[in-house]
Amino acid sequence: MKWLLVLISLNLHSDGTADHFIFTNMMYDTVQSCQRTAQVNMRVIQEVSIREFDGPSKVYCFRQDRFLDYMKALPPKPENKLDI
């Protein structure tokens, strides 16, 4: 199973969704190697986050098949809010 290093922006859109950045230059054989790469390269990852999202992001290691399922899923619909 292959693993991907993914950034998810902390700056949310009005519909509650967030931008994603996938490091496609490397795939990892284990979650531990993905996590270790993220730890060792945190400064570069933060620079990518600022460049791509103009702000901070969360770092995740996704199993490739589960990430594809995650990306195919529709975001939940926002709740209708009542005006008071």
PDB file of N, CA and C in Angstrom:
ATOM      1  N   MET A   1       0.841  -1.176   0.000  1.00  0.00           N
ATOM      2  CA  MET A   1       0.000   0.000   0.000  1.00  0.00           C
ATOM      3  C   MET A   1       0.892   1.247   0.000  1.00  0.00           C
ATOM      4  N   LYS A   2       0.559   2.227  -0.813  1.00  0.00           N
ATOM      5  CA  LYS A   2       1.319   3.471  -0.899  1.00  0.00           C
ATOM      6  C   LYS A   2       0.637   4.568  -0.078  1.00  0.00           C
ATOM      7  N   TRP A   3       1.445   5.502   0.405  1.00  0.00           N
ATOM      8  CA  TRP A   3       0.976   6.607   1.240  1.00  0.00           C
ATOM      9  C   TRP A   3       1.333   7.927   0.580  1.00  0.00           C
ATOM     10  N   LEU A   4       0.476   8.933   0.774  1.00  0.00           N
ATOM     11  CA  LEU A   4       0.663  10.273   0.224  1.00  0.00           C
ATOM     12  C   LEU A   4       0.782  11.291   1.353  1.00  0.00           C
ATOM     13  N   LEU A   5       1.602  12.295   1.144  1.00  0.00           N
ATOM     14  CA  LEU A   5       1.723  13.418   2.070  1.00  0.00           C
ATOM     15  C   LEU A   5       0.821  14.533   1.544  1.00  0.00           C
ATOM     16  N   VAL A   6      -0.150  14.954   2.363  1.00  0.00           N
ATOM     17  CA  VAL A   6      -1.195  15.892   1.933  1.00  0.00           C
ATOM     18  C   VAL A   6      -1.303  17.043   2.926  1.00  0.00           C
ATOM     19  N   LEU A   7      -1.433  18.255   2.392  1.00  0.00           N
ATOM     20  CA  LEU A   7      -1.716  19.430   3.212  1.00  0.00           C
ATOM     21  C   LEU A   7      -3.168  19.826   2.999  1.00  0.00           C
ATOM     22  N   ILE A   8      -3.859  20.173   4.085  1.00  0.00           N
ATOM     23  CA  ILE A   8      -5.225  20.677   4.000  1.00  0.00           C
ATOM     24  C   ILE A   8      -5.248  22.045   4.671  1.00  0.00           C
ATOM     25  N   SER A   9      -5.650  23.044   3.908  1.00  0.00           N
ATOM     26  CA  SER A   9      -5.650  24.421   4.386  1.00  0.00           C
ATOM     27  C   SER A   9      -6.560  24.582   5.597  1.00  0.00           C
ATOM     28  N   LEU A  10      -6.127  25.420   6.533  1.00  0.00           N
ATOM     29  CA  LEU A  10      -6.958  25.766   7.674  1.00  0.00           C
ATOM     30  C   LEU A  10      -7.891  26.937   7.349  1.00  0.00           C
ATOM     31  N   ASN A  11      -7.660  27.583   6.207  1.00  0.00           N
ATOM     32  CA  ASN A  11      -8.538  28.666   5.748  1.00  0.00           C
ATOM     33  C   ASN A  11      -9.704  28.027   4.997  1.00  0.00           C
ATOM     34  N   LEU A  12     -10.869  28.037   5.602  1.00  0.00           N
ATOM     35  CA  LEU A  12     -12.036  27.403   5.002  1.00  0.00           C
ATOM     36  C   LEU A  12     -12.782  28.354   4.083  1.00  0.00           C
ATOM     37  N   HIS A  13     -13.407  27.777   3.055  1.00  0.00           N
ATOM     38  CA  HIS A  13     -14.295  28.536   2.179  1.00  0.00           C
ATOM     39  C   HIS A  13     -15.634  28.703   2.880  1.00  0.00           C
ATOM     40  N   SER A  14     -16.481  29.564   2.349  1.00  0.00           N
ATOM     41  CA  SER A  14     -17.770  29.842   2.988  1.00  0.00           C
ATOM     42  C   SER A  14     -18.660  28.606   3.079  1.00  0.00           C
ATOM     43  N   ASP A  15     -18.439  27.627   2.201  1.00  0.00           N
ATOM     44  CA  ASP A  15     -19.250  26.400   2.257  1.00  0.00           C
ATOM     45  C   ASP A  15     -18.641  25.335   3.167  1.00  0.00           C
ATOM     46  N   GLY A  16     -17.553  25.676   3.845  1.00  0.00           N
ATOM     47  CA  GLY A  16     -16.928  24.756   4.789  1.00  0.00           C
ATOM     48  C   GLY A  16     -15.855  23.869   4.199  1.00  0.00           C
ATOM     49  N   THR A  17     -15.617  23.953   2.896  1.00  0.00           N
ATOM     50  CA  THR A  17     -14.578  23.140   2.270  1.00  0.00           C
ATOM     51  C   THR A  17     -13.220  23.823   2.409  1.00  0.00           C
ATOM     52  N   ALA A  18     -12.171  23.066   2.134  1.00  0.00           N
ATOM     53  CA  ALA A  18     -10.810  23.589   2.245  1.00  0.00           C
ATOM     54  C   ALA A  18      -9.989  23.132   1.050  1.00  0.00           C
ATOM     55  N   ASP A  19      -8.972  23.913   0.707  1.00  0.00           N
ATOM     56  CA  ASP A  19      -8.059  23.543  -0.369  1.00  0.00           C
ATOM     57  C   ASP A  19      -7.092  22.465   0.116  1.00  0.00           C
ATOM     58  N   HIS A  20      -6.636  21.634  -0.832  1.00  0.00           N
ATOM     59  CA  HIS A  20      -5.706  20.543  -0.555  1.00  0.00           C
ATOM     60  C   HIS A  20      -4.479  20.690  -1.444  1.00  0.00           C
ATOM     61  N   PHE A  21      -3.340  20.250  -0.946  1.00  0.00           N
ATOM     62  CA  PHE A  21      -2.106  20.186  -1.725  1.00  0.00           C
ATOM     63  C   PHE A  21      -1.515  18.805  -1.511  1.00  0.00           C
ATOM     64  N   ILE A  22      -1.255  18.100  -2.601  1.00  0.00           N
ATOM     65  CA  ILE A  22      -0.712  16.739  -2.533  1.00  0.00           C
ATOM     66  C   ILE A  22       0.716  16.767  -3.064  1.00  0.00           C
ATOM     67  N   PHE A  23       1.646  16.282  -2.272  1.00  0.00           N
ATOM     68  CA  PHE A  23       3.026  16.155  -2.726  1.00  0.00           C
ATOM     69  C   PHE A  23       3.099  14.916  -3.625  1.00  0.00           C
ATOM     70  N   THR A  24       3.121  15.143  -4.924  1.00  0.00           N
ATOM     71  CA  THR A  24       3.091  14.030  -5.879  1.00  0.00           C
ATOM     72  C   THR A  24       4.474  13.530  -6.267  1.00  0.00           C
ATOM     73  N   ASN A  25       5.510  14.200  -5.820  1.00  0.00           N
ATOM     74  CA  ASN A  25       6.865  13.787  -6.190  1.00  0.00           C
ATOM     75  C   ASN A  25       7.345  12.568  -5.402  1.00  0.00           C
ATOM     76  N   MET A  26       6.654  12.236  -4.309  1.00  0.00           N
ATOM     77  CA  MET A  26       7.034  11.068  -3.500  1.00  0.00           C
ATOM     78  C   MET A  26       5.793  10.320  -3.048  1.00  0.00           C
ATOM     79  N   MET A  27       5.908   9.009  -3.039  1.00  0.00           N
ATOM     80  CA  MET A  27       4.905   8.157  -2.419  1.00  0.00           C
ATOM     81  C   MET A  27       5.681   7.275  -1.446  1.00  0.00           C
ATOM     82  N   TYR A  28       5.039   6.902  -0.375  1.00  0.00           N
ATOM     83  CA  TYR A  28       5.735   6.209   0.707  1.00  0.00           C
ATOM     84  C   TYR A  28       5.177   4.796   0.873  1.00  0.00           C
ATOM     85  N   ASP A  29       6.057   3.886   1.283  1.00  0.00           N
ATOM     86  CA  ASP A  29       5.659   2.493   1.477  1.00  0.00           C
ATOM     87  C   ASP A  29       4.989   2.260   2.824  1.00  0.00           C
ATOM     88  N   THR A  30       5.277   3.129   3.791  1.00  0.00           N
ATOM     89  CA  THR A  30       4.687   2.973   5.124  1.00  0.00           C
ATOM     90  C   THR A  30       4.245   4.331   5.652  1.00  0.00           C
ATOM     91  N   VAL A  31       3.294   4.308   6.574  1.00  0.00           N
ATOM     92  CA  VAL A  31       2.850   5.555   7.191  1.00  0.00           C
ATOM     93  C   VAL A  31       3.999   6.162   7.998  1.00  0.00           C
ATOM     94  N   GLN A  32       4.842   5.329   8.579  1.00  0.00           N
ATOM     95  CA  GLN A  32       5.965   5.831   9.368  1.00  0.00           C
ATOM     96  C   GLN A  32       6.953   6.613   8.502  1.00  0.00           C
ATOM     97  N   SER A  33       7.233   6.136   7.295  1.00  0.00           N
ATOM     98  CA  SER A  33       8.166   6.877   6.430  1.00  0.00           C
ATOM     99  C   SER A  33       7.545   8.195   5.967  1.00  0.00           C
ATOM    100  N   CYS A  34       6.239   8.211   5.735  1.00  0.00           N
ATOM    101  CA  CYS A  34       5.545   9.445   5.371  1.00  0.00           C
ATOM    102  C   CYS A  34       5.612  10.447   6.530  1.00  0.00           C
ATOM    103  N   GLN A  35       5.318   9.985   7.733  1.00  0.00           N
ATOM    104  CA  GLN A  35       5.348  10.859   8.908  1.00  0.00           C
ATOM    105  C   GLN A  35       6.757  11.376   9.179  1.00  0.00           C
ATOM    106  N   ARG A  36       7.727  10.519   9.024  1.00  0.00           N
ATOM    107  CA  ARG A  36       9.120  10.924   9.258  1.00  0.00           C
ATOM    108  C   ARG A  36       9.541  12.000   8.262  1.00  0.00           C
ATOM    109  N   THR A  37       9.157  11.833   7.002  1.00  0.00           N
ATOM    110  CA  THR A  37       9.463  12.840   5.986  1.00  0.00           C
ATOM    111  C   THR A  37       8.825  14.172   6.352  1.00  0.00           C
ATOM    112  N   ALA A  38       7.581  14.134   6.831  1.00  0.00           N
ATOM    113  CA  ALA A  38       6.896  15.364   7.236  1.00  0.00           C
ATOM    114  C   ALA A  38       7.626  16.033   8.398  1.00  0.00           C
ATOM    115  N   GLN A  39       8.075  15.253   9.368  1.00  0.00           N
ATOM    116  CA  GLN A  39       8.781  15.812  10.523  1.00  0.00           C
ATOM    117  C   GLN A  39      10.098  16.460  10.110  1.00  0.00           C
ATOM    118  N   VAL A  40      10.852  15.761   9.293  1.00  0.00           N
ATOM    119  CA  VAL A  40      12.175  16.237   8.890  1.00  0.00           C
ATOM    120  C   VAL A  40      12.070  17.477   7.993  1.00  0.00           C
ATOM    121  N   ASN A  41      10.997  17.577   7.215  1.00  0.00           N
ATOM    122  CA  ASN A  41      10.845  18.652   6.237  1.00  0.00           C
ATOM    123  C   ASN A  41       9.773  19.672   6.627  1.00  0.00           C
ATOM    124  N   MET A  42       9.510  19.826   7.907  1.00  0.00           N
ATOM    125  CA  MET A  42       8.426  20.709   8.354  1.00  0.00           C
ATOM    126  C   MET A  42       8.611  22.150   7.875  1.00  0.00           C
ATOM    127  N   ARG A  43       9.818  22.639   7.845  1.00  0.00           N
ATOM    128  CA  ARG A  43      10.043  24.020   7.402  1.00  0.00           C
ATOM    129  C   ARG A  43       9.637  24.200   5.939  1.00  0.00           C
ATOM    130  N   VAL A  44      10.025  23.269   5.096  1.00  0.00           N
ATOM    131  CA  VAL A  44       9.653  23.319   3.675  1.00  0.00           C
ATOM    132  C   VAL A  44       8.142  23.190   3.527  1.00  0.00           C
ATOM    133  N   ILE A  45       7.540  22.303   4.304  1.00  0.00           N
ATOM    134  CA  ILE A  45       6.092  22.109   4.254  1.00  0.00           C
ATOM    135  C   ILE A  45       5.371  23.399   4.645  1.00  0.00           C
ATOM    136  N   GLN A  46       5.865  24.088   5.659  1.00  0.00           N
ATOM    137  CA  GLN A  46       5.256  25.364   6.062  1.00  0.00           C
ATOM    138  C   GLN A  46       5.389  26.404   4.957  1.00  0.00           C
ATOM    139  N   GLU A  47       6.518  26.422   4.266  1.00  0.00           N
ATOM    140  CA  GLU A  47       6.703  27.351   3.145  1.00  0.00           C
ATOM    141  C   GLU A  47       5.721  27.052   2.014  1.00  0.00           C
ATOM    142  N   VAL A  48       5.522  25.774   1.731  1.00  0.00           N
ATOM    143  CA  VAL A  48       4.557  25.378   0.697  1.00  0.00           C
ATOM    144  C   VAL A  48       3.154  25.812   1.108  1.00  0.00           C
ATOM    145  N   SER A  49       2.817  25.635   2.367  1.00  0.00           N
ATOM    146  CA  SER A  49       1.507  26.020   2.871  1.00  0.00           C
ATOM    147  C   SER A  49       1.261  27.517   2.692  1.00  0.00           C
ATOM    148  N   ILE A  50       2.232  28.324   3.030  1.00  0.00           N
ATOM    149  CA  ILE A  50       2.104  29.775   2.882  1.00  0.00           C
ATOM    150  C   ILE A  50       1.985  30.142   1.403  1.00  0.00           C
ATOM    151  N   ARG A  51       2.789  29.510   0.565  1.00  0.00           N
ATOM    152  CA  ARG A  51       2.771  29.815  -0.876  1.00  0.00           C
ATOM    153  C   ARG A  51       1.447  29.383  -1.519  1.00  0.00           C
ATOM    154  N   GLU A  52       0.975  28.196  -1.194  1.00  0.00           N
ATOM    155  CA  GLU A  52      -0.217  27.648  -1.845  1.00  0.00           C
ATOM    156  C   GLU A  52      -1.527  28.151  -1.245  1.00  0.00           C
ATOM    157  N   PHE A  53      -1.571  28.337   0.079  1.00  0.00           N
ATOM    158  CA  PHE A  53      -2.822  28.664   0.766  1.00  0.00           C
ATOM    159  C   PHE A  53      -2.840  30.064   1.363  1.00  0.00           C
ATOM    160  N   ASP A  54      -1.696  30.726   1.340  1.00  0.00           N
ATOM    161  CA  ASP A  54      -1.573  32.033   1.995  1.00  0.00           C
ATOM    162  C   ASP A  54      -1.929  31.922   3.477  1.00  0.00           C
ATOM    163  N   GLY A  55      -1.547  30.791   4.075  1.00  0.00           N
ATOM    164  CA  GLY A  55      -1.826  30.580   5.487  1.00  0.00           C
ATOM    165  C   GLY A  55      -1.441  29.176   5.922  1.00  0.00           C
ATOM    166  N   PRO A  56      -1.802  28.830   7.141  1.00  0.00           N
ATOM    167  CA  PRO A  56      -1.399  27.537   7.700  1.00  0.00           C
ATOM    168  C   PRO A  56      -2.216  26.371   7.146  1.00  0.00           C
ATOM    169  N   SER A  57      -1.700  25.181   7.393  1.00  0.00           N
ATOM    170  CA  SER A  57      -2.396  23.964   6.976  1.00  0.00           C
ATOM    171  C   SER A  57      -2.103  22.850   7.977  1.00  0.00           C
ATOM    172  N   LYS A  58      -2.890  21.798   7.875  1.00  0.00           N
ATOM    173  CA  LYS A  58      -2.640  20.564   8.636  1.00  0.00           C
ATOM    174  C   LYS A  58      -1.949  19.596   7.695  1.00  0.00           C
ATOM    175  N   VAL A  59      -1.058  18.774   8.243  1.00  0.00           N
ATOM    176  CA  VAL A  59      -0.308  17.797   7.463  1.00  0.00           C
ATOM    177  C   VAL A  59      -0.872  16.407   7.761  1.00  0.00           C
ATOM    178  N   TYR A  60      -1.159  15.662   6.707  1.00  0.00           N
ATOM    179  CA  TYR A  60      -1.704  14.315   6.851  1.00  0.00           C
ATOM    180  C   TYR A  60      -0.944  13.339   5.972  1.00  0.00           C
ATOM    181  N   CYS A  61      -0.868  12.101   6.428  1.00  0.00           N
ATOM    182  CA  CYS A  61      -0.405  11.000   5.606  1.00  0.00           C
ATOM    183  C   CYS A  61      -1.637  10.134   5.319  1.00  0.00           C
ATOM    184  N   PHE A  62      -2.027  10.081   4.053  1.00  0.00           N
ATOM    185  CA  PHE A  62      -3.199   9.321   3.626  1.00  0.00           C
ATOM    186  C   PHE A  62      -2.755   8.069   2.878  1.00  0.00           C
ATOM    187  N   ARG A  63      -3.427   6.974   3.148  1.00  0.00           N
ATOM    188  CA  ARG A  63      -3.261   5.807   2.290  1.00  0.00           C
ATOM    189  C   ARG A  63      -3.857   6.167   0.937  1.00  0.00           C
ATOM    190  N   GLN A  64      -3.170   5.842  -0.143  1.00  0.00           N
ATOM    191  CA  GLN A  64      -3.569   6.295  -1.469  1.00  0.00           C
ATOM    192  C   GLN A  64      -5.019   5.927  -1.801  1.00  0.00           C
ATOM    193  N   ASP A  65      -5.428   4.702  -1.554  1.00  0.00           N
ATOM    194  CA  ASP A  65      -6.785   4.287  -1.895  1.00  0.00           C
ATOM    195  C   ASP A  65      -7.824   5.027  -1.052  1.00  0.00           C
ATOM    196  N   ARG A  66      -7.511   5.266   0.205  1.00  0.00           N
ATOM    197  CA  ARG A  66      -8.451   5.978   1.069  1.00  0.00           C
ATOM    198  C   ARG A  66      -8.523   7.461   0.722  1.00  0.00           C
ATOM    199  N   PHE A  67      -7.412   8.014   0.264  1.00  0.00           N
ATOM    200  CA  PHE A  67      -7.443   9.413  -0.148  1.00  0.00           C
ATOM    201  C   PHE A  67      -8.321   9.591  -1.381  1.00  0.00           C
ATOM    202  N   LEU A  68      -8.238   8.663  -2.310  1.00  0.00           N
ATOM    203  CA  LEU A  68      -9.092   8.743  -3.499  1.00  0.00           C
ATOM    204  C   LEU A  68     -10.565   8.665  -3.106  1.00  0.00           C
ATOM    205  N   ASP A  69     -10.902   7.785  -2.173  1.00  0.00           N
ATOM    206  CA  ASP A  69     -12.283   7.702  -1.671  1.00  0.00           C
ATOM    207  C   ASP A  69     -12.687   9.006  -0.988  1.00  0.00           C
ATOM    208  N   TYR A  70     -11.784   9.558  -0.183  1.00  0.00           N
ATOM    209  CA  TYR A  70     -12.036  10.819   0.521  1.00  0.00           C
ATOM    210  C   TYR A  70     -12.320  11.947  -0.468  1.00  0.00           C
ATOM    211  N   MET A  71     -11.534  12.020  -1.540  1.00  0.00           N
ATOM    212  CA  MET A  71     -11.708  13.096  -2.510  1.00  0.00           C
ATOM    213  C   MET A  71     -13.000  12.932  -3.325  1.00  0.00           C
ATOM    214  N   LYS A  72     -13.477  11.714  -3.484  1.00  0.00           N
ATOM    215  CA  LYS A  72     -14.718  11.473  -4.232  1.00  0.00           C
ATOM    216  C   LYS A  72     -15.956  11.784  -3.397  1.00  0.00           C
ATOM    217  N   ALA A  73     -15.809  11.790  -2.084  1.00  0.00           N
ATOM    218  CA  ALA A  73     -16.950  12.038  -1.202  1.00  0.00           C
ATOM    219  C   ALA A  73     -17.369  13.502  -1.290  1.00  0.00           C
ATOM    220  N   LEU A  74     -18.665  13.723  -1.283  1.00  0.00           N
ATOM    221  CA  LEU A  74     -19.185  15.084  -1.300  1.00  0.00           C
ATOM    222  C   LEU A  74     -19.132  15.668   0.100  1.00  0.00           C
ATOM    223  N   PRO A  75     -18.820  16.958   0.200  1.00  0.00           N
ATOM    224  CA  PRO A  75     -18.825  17.575   1.542  1.00  0.00           C
ATOM    225  C   PRO A  75     -20.253  17.621   2.078  1.00  0.00           C
ATOM    226  N   PRO A  76     -20.408  17.602   3.385  1.00  0.00           N
ATOM    227  CA  PRO A  76     -21.758  17.680   3.947  1.00  0.00           C
ATOM    228  C   PRO A  76     -22.393  19.026   3.603  1.00  0.00           C
ATOM    229  N   LYS A  77     -23.700  18.991   3.415  1.00  0.00           N
ATOM    230  CA  LYS A  77     -24.416  20.231   3.105  1.00  0.00           C
ATOM    231  C   LYS A  77     -24.513  21.073   4.375  1.00  0.00           C
ATOM    232  N   PRO A  78     -24.318  22.389   4.226  1.00  0.00           N
ATOM    233  CA  PRO A  78     -24.426  23.249   5.415  1.00  0.00           C
ATOM    234  C   PRO A  78     -25.853  23.232   5.951  1.00  0.00           C
ATOM    235  N   GLU A  79     -25.942  23.371   7.250  1.00  0.00           N
ATOM    236  CA  GLU A  79     -27.257  23.411   7.889  1.00  0.00           C
ATOM    237  C   GLU A  79     -27.950  24.719   7.543  1.00  0.00           C
ATOM    238  N   ASN A  80     -29.257  24.634   7.401  1.00  0.00           N
ATOM    239  CA  ASN A  80     -30.041  25.856   7.215  1.00  0.00           C
ATOM    240  C   ASN A  80     -30.124  26.552   8.557  1.00  0.00           C
ATOM    241  N   LYS A  81     -29.748  27.807   8.588  1.00  0.00           N
ATOM    242  CA  LYS A  81     -29.777  28.564   9.836  1.00  0.00           C
ATOM    243  C   LYS A  81     -30.986  29.477   9.824  1.00  0.00           C
ATOM    244  N   LEU A  82     -31.611  29.552  10.938  1.00  0.00           N
ATOM    245  CA  LEU A  82     -32.776  30.406  11.085  1.00  0.00           C
ATOM    246  C   LEU A  82     -32.349  31.807  11.486  1.00  0.00           C
ATOM    247  N   ASP A  83     -32.959  32.788  10.880  1.00  0.00           N
ATOM    248  CA  ASP A  83     -32.717  34.173  11.294  1.00  0.00           C
ATOM    249  C   ASP A  83     -33.493  34.443  12.566  1.00  0.00           C
ATOM    250  N   ILE A  84     -32.839  35.041  13.509  1.00  0.00           N
ATOM    251  CA  ILE A  84     -33.509  35.332  14.789  1.00  0.00           C
ATOM    252  C   ILE A  84     -33.765  36.815  14.895  1.00  0.00           C
TER     253      ILE A  84
END
